[in-house]
Amino acid sequence: MSTSTSVKVKPLGDRVLIKHVDEDEQVRDGIIIPDSAKEKPQEAEVFALGTGAKDSDGNAIEFNVKIGDRVLTSKYGGTEVKIDGDTYLLVREDDILGIIES
């Protein structure tokens, strides 16, 4: 349960700090779609892990994700935070839908 060295934030509990992966600018038939009309990306990269959740006996529950994993998240979950000019999301591990394997 460690944090990324590039981000100086350590989430608490079962929270995970992620950053959405920017998709290439969407162009359809030569028309650029404005940011307000684009769907939120669901693919993100894990940047930091929290301190971990505890079970009913007080034992630490291991995270299923690790720093650097590419994951799929729900479109509208999490809390948006700005750190050093970059936008990240704090989500609970339960809000992560899956890990993208390469």
PDB file of N, CA and C in Angstrom:
ATOM      1  N   MET A   1       0.827  -1.173   0.000  1.00  0.00           N
ATOM      2  CA  MET A   1       0.000   0.000   0.000  1.00  0.00           C
ATOM      3  C   MET A   1       0.872   1.237   0.000  1.00  0.00           C
ATOM      4  N   SER A   2       1.255   1.614  -1.182  1.00  0.00           N
ATOM      5  CA  SER A   2       2.145   2.750  -1.307  1.00  0.00           C
ATOM      6  C   SER A   2       1.542   3.763  -2.251  1.00  0.00           C
ATOM      7  N   THR A   3       2.158   4.919  -2.317  1.00  0.00           N
ATOM      8  CA  THR A   3       1.674   5.946  -3.221  1.00  0.00           C
ATOM      9  C   THR A   3       2.692   6.197  -4.302  1.00  0.00           C
ATOM     10  N   SER A   4       2.241   6.768  -5.375  1.00  0.00           N
ATOM     11  CA  SER A   4       3.122   7.115  -6.479  1.00  0.00           C
ATOM     12  C   SER A   4       4.042   8.253  -6.049  1.00  0.00           C
ATOM     13  N   THR A   5       5.266   8.252  -6.519  1.00  0.00           N
ATOM     14  CA  THR A   5       6.202   9.301  -6.149  1.00  0.00           C
ATOM     15  C   THR A   5       5.897  10.617  -6.838  1.00  0.00           C
ATOM     16  N   SER A   6       5.204  10.610  -7.966  1.00  0.00           N
ATOM     17  CA  SER A   6       4.936  11.846  -8.685  1.00  0.00           C
ATOM     18  C   SER A   6       3.762  12.625  -8.102  1.00  0.00           C
ATOM     19  N   VAL A   7       2.906  11.999  -7.329  1.00  0.00           N
ATOM     20  CA  VAL A   7       1.758  12.661  -6.725  1.00  0.00           C
ATOM     21  C   VAL A   7       1.930  12.613  -5.210  1.00  0.00           C
ATOM     22  N   LYS A   8       1.863  13.779  -4.592  1.00  0.00           N
ATOM     23  CA  LYS A   8       2.107  13.852  -3.157  1.00  0.00           C
ATOM     24  C   LYS A   8       0.798  13.833  -2.372  1.00  0.00           C
ATOM     25  N   VAL A   9      -0.046  12.882  -2.671  1.00  0.00           N
ATOM     26  CA  VAL A   9      -1.313  12.706  -1.968  1.00  0.00           C
ATOM     27  C   VAL A   9      -1.445  11.235  -1.619  1.00  0.00           C
ATOM     28  N   LYS A  10      -1.800  10.949  -0.377  1.00  0.00           N
ATOM     29  CA  LYS A  10      -2.040   9.567   0.040  1.00  0.00           C
ATOM     30  C   LYS A  10      -3.518   9.466   0.411  1.00  0.00           C
ATOM     31  N   PRO A  11      -4.308   8.783  -0.416  1.00  0.00           N
ATOM     32  CA  PRO A  11      -5.725   8.605  -0.089  1.00  0.00           C
ATOM     33  C   PRO A  11      -5.877   7.817   1.211  1.00  0.00           C
ATOM     34  N   LEU A  12      -7.015   7.967   1.841  1.00  0.00           N
ATOM     35  CA  LEU A  12      -7.301   7.240   3.076  1.00  0.00           C
ATOM     36  C   LEU A  12      -8.270   6.094   2.811  1.00  0.00           C
ATOM     37  N   GLY A  13      -8.225   5.092   3.667  1.00  0.00           N
ATOM     38  CA  GLY A  13      -9.145   3.962   3.569  1.00  0.00           C
ATOM     39  C   GLY A  13      -8.989   3.225   2.260  1.00  0.00           C
ATOM     40  N   ASP A  14     -10.124   2.821   1.690  1.00  0.00           N
ATOM     41  CA  ASP A  14     -10.099   2.039   0.452  1.00  0.00           C
ATOM     42  C   ASP A  14     -10.188   2.917  -0.790  1.00  0.00           C
ATOM     43  N   ARG A  15      -9.764   4.164  -0.661  1.00  0.00           N
ATOM     44  CA  ARG A  15      -9.826   5.077  -1.801  1.00  0.00           C
ATOM     45  C   ARG A  15      -8.589   4.935  -2.691  1.00  0.00           C
ATOM     46  N   VAL A  16      -8.803   5.247  -3.973  1.00  0.00           N
ATOM     47  CA  VAL A  16      -7.761   5.133  -4.990  1.00  0.00           C
ATOM     48  C   VAL A  16      -7.746   6.443  -5.761  1.00  0.00           C
ATOM     49  N   LEU A  17      -6.541   6.998  -5.996  1.00  0.00           N
ATOM     50  CA  LEU A  17      -6.392   8.211  -6.789  1.00  0.00           C
ATOM     51  C   LEU A  17      -6.130   7.796  -8.230  1.00  0.00           C
ATOM     52  N   ILE A  18      -7.008   8.230  -9.139  1.00  0.00           N
ATOM     53  CA  ILE A  18      -6.884   7.872 -10.552  1.00  0.00           C
ATOM     54  C   ILE A  18      -6.901   9.135 -11.405  1.00  0.00           C
ATOM     55  N   LYS A  19      -6.410   8.990 -12.616  1.00  0.00           N
ATOM     56  CA  LYS A  19      -6.466  10.091 -13.582  1.00  0.00           C
ATOM     57  C   LYS A  19      -6.993   9.508 -14.883  1.00  0.00           C
ATOM     58  N   HIS A  20      -8.032  10.151 -15.422  1.00  0.00           N
ATOM     59  CA  HIS A  20      -8.606   9.666 -16.676  1.00  0.00           C
ATOM     60  C   HIS A  20      -7.609   9.802 -17.808  1.00  0.00           C
ATOM     61  N   VAL A  21      -7.621   8.811 -18.675  1.00  0.00           N
ATOM     62  CA  VAL A  21      -6.767   8.798 -19.858  1.00  0.00           C
ATOM     63  C   VAL A  21      -7.472   9.622 -20.920  1.00  0.00           C
ATOM     64  N   ASP A  22      -6.769  10.633 -21.446  1.00  0.00           N
ATOM     65  CA  ASP A  22      -7.364  11.481 -22.478  1.00  0.00           C
ATOM     66  C   ASP A  22      -7.516  10.703 -23.764  1.00  0.00           C
ATOM     67  N   GLU A  23      -8.725  10.732 -24.295  1.00  0.00           N
ATOM     68  CA  GLU A  23      -8.964  10.108 -25.591  1.00  0.00           C
ATOM     69  C   GLU A  23      -8.585  11.106 -26.673  1.00  0.00           C
ATOM     70  N   ASP A  24      -8.235  10.616 -27.835  1.00  0.00           N
ATOM     71  CA  ASP A  24      -7.938  11.518 -28.940  1.00  0.00           C
ATOM     72  C   ASP A  24      -9.164  12.363 -29.220  1.00  0.00           C
ATOM     73  N   GLU A  25      -8.925  13.589 -29.690  1.00  0.00           N
ATOM     74  CA  GLU A  25     -10.023  14.505 -29.974  1.00  0.00           C
ATOM     75  C   GLU A  25     -10.994  13.856 -30.957  1.00  0.00           C
ATOM     76  N   GLN A  26     -12.268  13.889 -30.609  1.00  0.00           N
ATOM     77  CA  GLN A  26     -13.278  13.233 -31.431  1.00  0.00           C
ATOM     78  C   GLN A  26     -13.647  14.119 -32.620  1.00  0.00           C
ATOM     79  N   VAL A  27     -13.483  13.575 -33.810  1.00  0.00           N
ATOM     80  CA  VAL A  27     -13.839  14.308 -35.019  1.00  0.00           C
ATOM     81  C   VAL A  27     -14.758  13.411 -35.840  1.00  0.00           C
ATOM     82  N   ARG A  28     -15.888  13.955 -36.225  1.00  0.00           N
ATOM     83  CA  ARG A  28     -16.833  13.206 -37.058  1.00  0.00           C
ATOM     84  C   ARG A  28     -17.148  14.032 -38.292  1.00  0.00           C
ATOM     85  N   ASP A  29     -16.857  13.486 -39.435  1.00  0.00           N
ATOM     86  CA  ASP A  29     -17.136  14.159 -40.709  1.00  0.00           C
ATOM     87  C   ASP A  29     -16.567  15.572 -40.739  1.00  0.00           C
ATOM     88  N   GLY A  30     -15.366  15.762 -40.164  1.00  0.00           N
ATOM     89  CA  GLY A  30     -14.715  17.060 -40.185  1.00  0.00           C
ATOM     90  C   GLY A  30     -15.212  18.028 -39.117  1.00  0.00           C
ATOM     91  N   ILE A  31     -16.138  17.595 -38.280  1.00  0.00           N
ATOM     92  CA  ILE A  31     -16.675  18.463 -37.225  1.00  0.00           C
ATOM     93  C   ILE A  31     -16.029  18.075 -35.902  1.00  0.00           C
ATOM     94  N   ILE A  32     -15.439  19.060 -35.229  1.00  0.00           N
ATOM     95  CA  ILE A  32     -14.834  18.811 -33.925  1.00  0.00           C
ATOM     96  C   ILE A  32     -15.919  18.925 -32.864  1.00  0.00           C
ATOM     97  N   ILE A  33     -16.027  17.894 -32.052  1.00  0.00           N
ATOM     98  CA  ILE A  33     -17.052  17.872 -31.015  1.00  0.00           C
ATOM     99  C   ILE A  33     -16.526  18.630 -29.798  1.00  0.00           C
ATOM    100  N   PRO A  34     -17.258  19.635 -29.295  1.00  0.00           N
ATOM    101  CA  PRO A  34     -16.779  20.401 -28.141  1.00  0.00           C
ATOM    102  C   PRO A  34     -16.709  19.538 -26.883  1.00  0.00           C
ATOM    103  N   ASP A  35     -15.827  19.937 -25.944  1.00  0.00           N
ATOM    104  CA  ASP A  35     -15.640  19.179 -24.708  1.00  0.00           C
ATOM    105  C   ASP A  35     -16.949  18.966 -23.957  1.00  0.00           C
ATOM    106  N   SER A  36     -17.837  19.945 -23.991  1.00  0.00           N
ATOM    107  CA  SER A  36     -19.088  19.828 -23.247  1.00  0.00           C
ATOM    108  C   SER A  36     -20.001  18.725 -23.787  1.00  0.00           C
ATOM    109  N   ALA A  37     -19.808  18.341 -25.059  1.00  0.00           N
ATOM    110  CA  ALA A  37     -20.649  17.310 -25.667  1.00  0.00           C
ATOM    111  C   ALA A  37     -19.999  15.928 -25.643  1.00  0.00           C
ATOM    112  N   LYS A  38     -18.737  15.858 -25.235  1.00  0.00           N
ATOM    113  CA  LYS A  38     -18.043  14.577 -25.207  1.00  0.00           C
ATOM    114  C   LYS A  38     -18.447  13.786 -23.978  1.00  0.00           C
ATOM    115  N   GLU A  39     -18.432  12.481 -24.130  1.00  0.00           N
ATOM    116  CA  GLU A  39     -18.685  11.618 -22.978  1.00  0.00           C
ATOM    117  C   GLU A  39     -17.452  11.597 -22.097  1.00  0.00           C
ATOM    118  N   LYS A  40     -17.673  11.419 -20.806  1.00  0.00           N
ATOM    119  CA  LYS A  40     -16.548  11.293 -19.888  1.00  0.00           C
ATOM    120  C   LYS A  40     -15.820   9.992 -20.184  1.00  0.00           C
ATOM    121  N   PRO A  41     -14.497  10.018 -20.174  1.00  0.00           N
ATOM    122  CA  PRO A  41     -13.771   8.771 -20.414  1.00  0.00           C
ATOM    123  C   PRO A  41     -13.947   7.824 -19.242  1.00  0.00           C
ATOM    124  N   GLN A  42     -13.942   6.533 -19.530  1.00  0.00           N
ATOM    125  CA  GLN A  42     -14.087   5.539 -18.475  1.00  0.00           C
ATOM    126  C   GLN A  42     -12.760   4.865 -18.172  1.00  0.00           C
ATOM    127  N   GLU A  43     -11.761   5.103 -18.998  1.00  0.00           N
ATOM    128  CA  GLU A  43     -10.459   4.488 -18.776  1.00  0.00           C
ATOM    129  C   GLU A  43      -9.580   5.442 -17.980  1.00  0.00           C
ATOM    130  N   ALA A  44      -8.914   4.907 -16.955  1.00  0.00           N
ATOM    131  CA  ALA A  44      -8.070   5.738 -16.096  1.00  0.00           C
ATOM    132  C   ALA A  44      -6.844   4.946 -15.668  1.00  0.00           C
ATOM    133  N   GLU A  45      -5.863   5.697 -15.141  1.00  0.00           N
ATOM    134  CA  GLU A  45      -4.648   5.083 -14.612  1.00  0.00           C
ATOM    135  C   GLU A  45      -4.606   5.311 -13.109  1.00  0.00           C
ATOM    136  N   VAL A  46      -4.179   4.291 -12.370  1.00  0.00           N
ATOM    137  CA  VAL A  46      -4.082   4.379 -10.912  1.00  0.00           C
ATOM    138  C   VAL A  46      -2.775   5.082 -10.552  1.00  0.00           C
ATOM    139  N   PHE A  47      -2.873   6.154  -9.733  1.00  0.00           N
ATOM    140  CA  PHE A  47      -1.698   6.914  -9.323  1.00  0.00           C
ATOM    141  C   PHE A  47      -1.335   6.722  -7.854  1.00  0.00           C
ATOM    142  N   ALA A  48      -2.302   6.408  -6.997  1.00  0.00           N
ATOM    143  CA  ALA A  48      -1.996   6.215  -5.582  1.00  0.00           C
ATOM    144  C   ALA A  48      -3.076   5.354  -4.936  1.00  0.00           C
ATOM    145  N   LEU A  49      -2.670   4.595  -3.926  1.00  0.00           N
ATOM    146  CA  LEU A  49      -3.592   3.741  -3.178  1.00  0.00           C
ATOM    147  C   LEU A  49      -3.714   4.265  -1.752  1.00  0.00           C
ATOM    148  N   GLY A  50      -4.886   4.049  -1.180  1.00  0.00           N
ATOM    149  CA  GLY A  50      -5.128   4.472   0.189  1.00  0.00           C
ATOM    150  C   GLY A  50      -4.460   3.577   1.217  1.00  0.00           C
ATOM    151  N   THR A  51      -4.849   3.784   2.444  1.00  0.00           N
ATOM    152  CA  THR A  51      -4.288   3.013   3.553  1.00  0.00           C
ATOM    153  C   THR A  51      -4.902   1.635   3.649  1.00  0.00           C
ATOM    154  N   GLY A  52      -6.017   1.415   2.974  1.00  0.00           N
ATOM    155  CA  GLY A  52      -6.651   0.100   2.924  1.00  0.00           C
ATOM    156  C   GLY A  52      -7.848  -0.021   3.839  1.00  0.00           C
ATOM    157  N   ALA A  53      -8.780  -0.835   3.439  1.00  0.00           N
ATOM    158  CA  ALA A  53      -9.979  -1.112   4.235  1.00  0.00           C
ATOM    159  C   ALA A  53      -9.646  -2.211   5.241  1.00  0.00           C
ATOM    160  N   LYS A  54     -10.485  -2.334   6.252  1.00  0.00           N
ATOM    161  CA  LYS A  54     -10.321  -3.374   7.277  1.00  0.00           C
ATOM    162  C   LYS A  54     -11.564  -4.252   7.284  1.00  0.00           C
ATOM    163  N   ASP A  55     -11.374  -5.545   7.550  1.00  0.00           N
ATOM    164  CA  ASP A  55     -12.525  -6.435   7.681  1.00  0.00           C
ATOM    165  C   ASP A  55     -13.082  -6.333   9.099  1.00  0.00           C
ATOM    166  N   SER A  56     -14.084  -7.118   9.414  1.00  0.00           N
ATOM    167  CA  SER A  56     -14.749  -7.030  10.721  1.00  0.00           C
ATOM    168  C   SER A  56     -13.830  -7.395  11.886  1.00  0.00           C
ATOM    169  N   ASP A  57     -12.748  -8.124  11.611  1.00  0.00           N
ATOM    170  CA  ASP A  57     -11.785  -8.486  12.658  1.00  0.00           C
ATOM    171  C   ASP A  57     -10.632  -7.492  12.755  1.00  0.00           C
ATOM    172  N   GLY A  58     -10.637  -6.461  11.914  1.00  0.00           N
ATOM    173  CA  GLY A  58      -9.583  -5.460  11.942  1.00  0.00           C
ATOM    174  C   GLY A  58      -8.389  -5.789  11.072  1.00  0.00           C
ATOM    175  N   ASN A  59      -8.479  -6.859  10.287  1.00  0.00           N
ATOM    176  CA  ASN A  59      -7.388  -7.234   9.388  1.00  0.00           C
ATOM    177  C   ASN A  59      -7.463  -6.421   8.099  1.00  0.00           C
ATOM    178  N   ALA A  60      -6.299  -6.040   7.580  1.00  0.00           N
ATOM    179  CA  ALA A  60      -6.241  -5.252   6.348  1.00  0.00           C
ATOM    180  C   ALA A  60      -6.713  -6.093   5.168  1.00  0.00           C
ATOM    181  N   ILE A  61      -7.494  -5.461   4.295  1.00  0.00           N
ATOM    182  CA  ILE A  61      -7.945  -6.102   3.061  1.00  0.00           C
ATOM    183  C   ILE A  61      -7.054  -5.588   1.942  1.00  0.00           C
ATOM    184  N   GLU A  62      -6.422  -6.487   1.216  1.00  0.00           N
ATOM    185  CA  GLU A  62      -5.489  -6.129   0.154  1.00  0.00           C
ATOM    186  C   GLU A  62      -6.233  -5.522  -1.039  1.00  0.00           C
ATOM    187  N   PHE A  63      -5.616  -4.525  -1.669  1.00  0.00           N
ATOM    188  CA  PHE A  63      -6.184  -3.917  -2.872  1.00  0.00           C
ATOM    189  C   PHE A  63      -6.092  -4.898  -4.040  1.00  0.00           C
ATOM    190  N   ASN A  64      -7.072  -4.826  -4.952  1.00  0.00           N
ATOM    191  CA  ASN A  64      -7.058  -5.627  -6.173  1.00  0.00           C
ATOM    192  C   ASN A  64      -6.315  -4.918  -7.294  1.00  0.00           C
ATOM    193  N   VAL A  65      -6.109  -3.606  -7.147  1.00  0.00           N
ATOM    194  CA  VAL A  65      -5.405  -2.820  -8.159  1.00  0.00           C
ATOM    195  C   VAL A  65      -4.065  -2.388  -7.594  1.00  0.00           C
ATOM    196  N   LYS A  66      -3.167  -1.979  -8.495  1.00  0.00           N
ATOM    197  CA  LYS A  66      -1.872  -1.466  -8.060  1.00  0.00           C
ATOM    198  C   LYS A  66      -1.554  -0.200  -8.856  1.00  0.00           C
ATOM    199  N   ILE A  67      -0.595   0.559  -8.377  1.00  0.00           N
ATOM    200  CA  ILE A  67      -0.198   1.790  -9.058  1.00  0.00           C
ATOM    201  C   ILE A  67       0.278   1.445 -10.469  1.00  0.00           C
ATOM    202  N   GLY A  68      -0.205   2.231 -11.437  1.00  0.00           N
ATOM    203  CA  GLY A  68       0.161   2.006 -12.836  1.00  0.00           C
ATOM    204  C   GLY A  68      -0.862   1.203 -13.612  1.00  0.00           C
ATOM    205  N   ASP A  69      -1.799   0.540 -12.913  1.00  0.00           N
ATOM    206  CA  ASP A  69      -2.842  -0.230 -13.605  1.00  0.00           C
ATOM    207  C   ASP A  69      -3.733   0.692 -14.422  1.00  0.00           C
ATOM    208  N   ARG A  70      -4.176   0.208 -15.572  1.00  0.00           N
ATOM    209  CA  ARG A  70      -5.220   0.878 -16.353  1.00  0.00           C
ATOM    210  C   ARG A  70      -6.534   0.232 -15.950  1.00  0.00           C
ATOM    211  N   VAL A  71      -7.507   1.060 -15.578  1.00  0.00           N
ATOM    212  CA  VAL A  71      -8.763   0.542 -15.055  1.00  0.00           C
ATOM    213  C   VAL A  71      -9.952   1.185 -15.764  1.00  0.00           C
ATOM    214  N   LEU A  72     -11.102   0.546 -15.622  1.00  0.00           N
ATOM    215  CA  LEU A  72     -12.373   1.094 -16.098  1.00  0.00           C
ATOM    216  C   LEU A  72     -13.170   1.546 -14.885  1.00  0.00           C
ATOM    217  N   THR A  73     -13.740   2.743 -14.977  1.00  0.00           N
ATOM    218  CA  THR A  73     -14.523   3.278 -13.863  1.00  0.00           C
ATOM    219  C   THR A  73     -15.914   3.662 -14.350  1.00  0.00           C
ATOM    220  N   SER A  74     -16.804   3.878 -13.394  1.00  0.00           N
ATOM    221  CA  SER A  74     -18.123   4.369 -13.757  1.00  0.00           C
ATOM    222  C   SER A  74     -17.980   5.808 -14.255  1.00  0.00           C
ATOM    223  N   LYS A  75     -18.887   6.257 -15.099  1.00  0.00           N
ATOM    224  CA  LYS A  75     -18.758   7.562 -15.740  1.00  0.00           C
ATOM    225  C   LYS A  75     -18.831   8.725 -14.762  1.00  0.00           C
ATOM    226  N   TYR A  76     -19.658   8.605 -13.734  1.00  0.00           N
ATOM    227  CA  TYR A  76     -19.912   9.774 -12.895  1.00  0.00           C
ATOM    228  C   TYR A  76     -19.557   9.558 -11.430  1.00  0.00           C
ATOM    229  N   GLY A  77     -18.704   8.592 -11.127  1.00  0.00           N
ATOM    230  CA  GLY A  77     -18.334   8.340  -9.744  1.00  0.00           C
ATOM    231  C   GLY A  77     -17.114   9.131  -9.328  1.00  0.00           C
ATOM    232  N   GLY A  78     -16.861   9.168  -8.034  1.00  0.00           N
ATOM    233  CA  GLY A  78     -15.645   9.763  -7.500  1.00  0.00           C
ATOM    234  C   GLY A  78     -15.750  11.244  -7.221  1.00  0.00           C
ATOM    235  N   THR A  79     -14.696  11.756  -6.600  1.00  0.00           N
ATOM    236  CA  THR A  79     -14.582  13.168  -6.267  1.00  0.00           C
ATOM    237  C   THR A  79     -13.408  13.749  -7.031  1.00  0.00           C
ATOM    238  N   GLU A  80     -13.682  14.786  -7.814  1.00  0.00           N
ATOM    239  CA  GLU A  80     -12.645  15.415  -8.623  1.00  0.00           C
ATOM    240  C   GLU A  80     -11.771  16.299  -7.752  1.00  0.00           C
ATOM    241  N   VAL A  81     -10.444  16.165  -7.884  1.00  0.00           N
ATOM    242  CA  VAL A  81      -9.494  17.010  -7.157  1.00  0.00           C
ATOM    243  C   VAL A  81      -8.432  17.512  -8.129  1.00  0.00           C
ATOM    244  N   LYS A  82      -7.946  18.741  -7.885  1.00  0.00           N
ATOM    245  CA  LYS A  82      -6.872  19.300  -8.708  1.00  0.00           C
ATOM    246  C   LYS A  82      -5.607  19.310  -7.875  1.00  0.00           C
ATOM    247  N   ILE A  83      -4.540  18.747  -8.447  1.00  0.00           N
ATOM    248  CA  ILE A  83      -3.249  18.684  -7.781  1.00  0.00           C
ATOM    249  C   ILE A  83      -2.201  19.168  -8.775  1.00  0.00           C
ATOM    250  N   ASP A  84      -1.510  20.237  -8.428  1.00  0.00           N
ATOM    251  CA  ASP A  84      -0.463  20.799  -9.295  1.00  0.00           C
ATOM    252  C   ASP A  84      -0.961  21.028 -10.720  1.00  0.00           C
ATOM    253  N   GLY A  85      -2.194  21.500 -10.867  1.00  0.00           N
ATOM    254  CA  GLY A  85      -2.745  21.821 -12.177  1.00  0.00           C
ATOM    255  C   GLY A  85      -3.339  20.645 -12.930  1.00  0.00           C
ATOM    256  N   ASP A  86      -3.175  19.429 -12.422  1.00  0.00           N
ATOM    257  CA  ASP A  86      -3.758  18.248 -13.060  1.00  0.00           C
ATOM    258  C   ASP A  86      -5.031  17.838 -12.335  1.00  0.00           C
ATOM    259  N   THR A  87      -5.977  17.270 -13.060  1.00  0.00           N
ATOM    260  CA  THR A  87      -7.239  16.835 -12.476  1.00  0.00           C
ATOM    261  C   THR A  87      -7.217  15.330 -12.262  1.00  0.00           C
ATOM    262  N   TYR A  88      -7.503  14.919 -11.036  1.00  0.00           N
ATOM    263  CA  TYR A  88      -7.551  13.508 -10.646  1.00  0.00           C
ATOM    264  C   TYR A  88      -8.923  13.221 -10.067  1.00  0.00           C
ATOM    265  N   LEU A  89      -9.201  11.952  -9.862  1.00  0.00           N
ATOM    266  CA  LEU A  89     -10.424  11.534  -9.185  1.00  0.00           C
ATOM    267  C   LEU A  89     -10.051  10.650  -8.004  1.00  0.00           C
ATOM    268  N   LEU A  90     -10.730  10.862  -6.891  1.00  0.00           N
ATOM    269  CA  LEU A  90     -10.632   9.958  -5.746  1.00  0.00           C
ATOM    270  C   LEU A  90     -11.865   9.076  -5.783  1.00  0.00           C
ATOM    271  N   VAL A  91     -11.659   7.775  -5.927  1.00  0.00           N
ATOM    272  CA  VAL A  91     -12.774   6.828  -5.976  1.00  0.00           C
ATOM    273  C   VAL A  91     -12.528   5.720  -4.961  1.00  0.00           C
ATOM    274  N   ARG A  92     -13.596   5.085  -4.534  1.00  0.00           N
ATOM    275  CA  ARG A  92     -13.450   3.891  -3.711  1.00  0.00           C
ATOM    276  C   ARG A  92     -13.082   2.739  -4.642  1.00  0.00           C
ATOM    277  N   GLU A  93     -12.356   1.780  -4.122  1.00  0.00           N
ATOM    278  CA  GLU A  93     -11.962   0.659  -4.971  1.00  0.00           C
ATOM    279  C   GLU A  93     -13.195  -0.038  -5.552  1.00  0.00           C
ATOM    280  N   ASP A  94     -14.295  -0.034  -4.824  1.00  0.00           N
ATOM    281  CA  ASP A  94     -15.541  -0.647  -5.324  1.00  0.00           C
ATOM    282  C   ASP A  94     -16.078   0.043  -6.574  1.00  0.00           C
ATOM    283  N   ASP A  95     -15.676   1.323  -6.798  1.00  0.00           N
ATOM    284  CA  ASP A  95     -16.137   2.057  -7.976  1.00  0.00           C
ATOM    285  C   ASP A  95     -15.343   1.702  -9.229  1.00  0.00           C
ATOM    286  N   ILE A  96     -14.266   0.941  -9.050  1.00  0.00           N
ATOM    287  CA  ILE A  96     -13.475   0.495 -10.198  1.00  0.00           C
ATOM    288  C   ILE A  96     -14.123  -0.777 -10.738  1.00  0.00           C
ATOM    289  N   LEU A  97     -14.478  -0.745 -12.017  1.00  0.00           N
ATOM    290  CA  LEU A  97     -15.233  -1.841 -12.621  1.00  0.00           C
ATOM    291  C   LEU A  97     -14.354  -2.990 -13.107  1.00  0.00           C
ATOM    292  N   GLY A  98     -13.120  -2.678 -13.474  1.00  0.00           N
ATOM    293  CA  GLY A  98     -12.242  -3.726 -13.981  1.00  0.00           C
ATOM    294  C   GLY A  98     -10.865  -3.206 -14.294  1.00  0.00           C
ATOM    295  N   ILE A  99      -9.939  -4.124 -14.459  1.00  0.00           N
ATOM    296  CA  ILE A  99      -8.555  -3.805 -14.812  1.00  0.00           C
ATOM    297  C   ILE A  99      -8.363  -4.168 -16.290  1.00  0.00           C
ATOM    298  N   ILE A 100      -7.770  -3.246 -17.053  1.00  0.00           N
ATOM    299  CA  ILE A 100      -7.506  -3.485 -18.465  1.00  0.00           C
ATOM    300  C   ILE A 100      -6.161  -4.184 -18.561  1.00  0.00           C
ATOM    301  N   GLU A 101      -6.175  -5.373 -19.110  1.00  0.00           N
ATOM    302  CA  GLU A 101      -4.924  -6.131 -19.258  1.00  0.00           C
ATOM    303  C   GLU A 101      -4.354  -5.866 -20.639  1.00  0.00           C
ATOM    304  N   SER A 102      -3.037  -5.727 -20.693  1.00  0.00           N
ATOM    305  CA  SER A 102      -2.416  -5.436 -21.995  1.00  0.00           C
ATOM    306  C   SER A 102      -1.721  -6.634 -22.562  1.00  0.00           C
TER     307      SER A 102
END
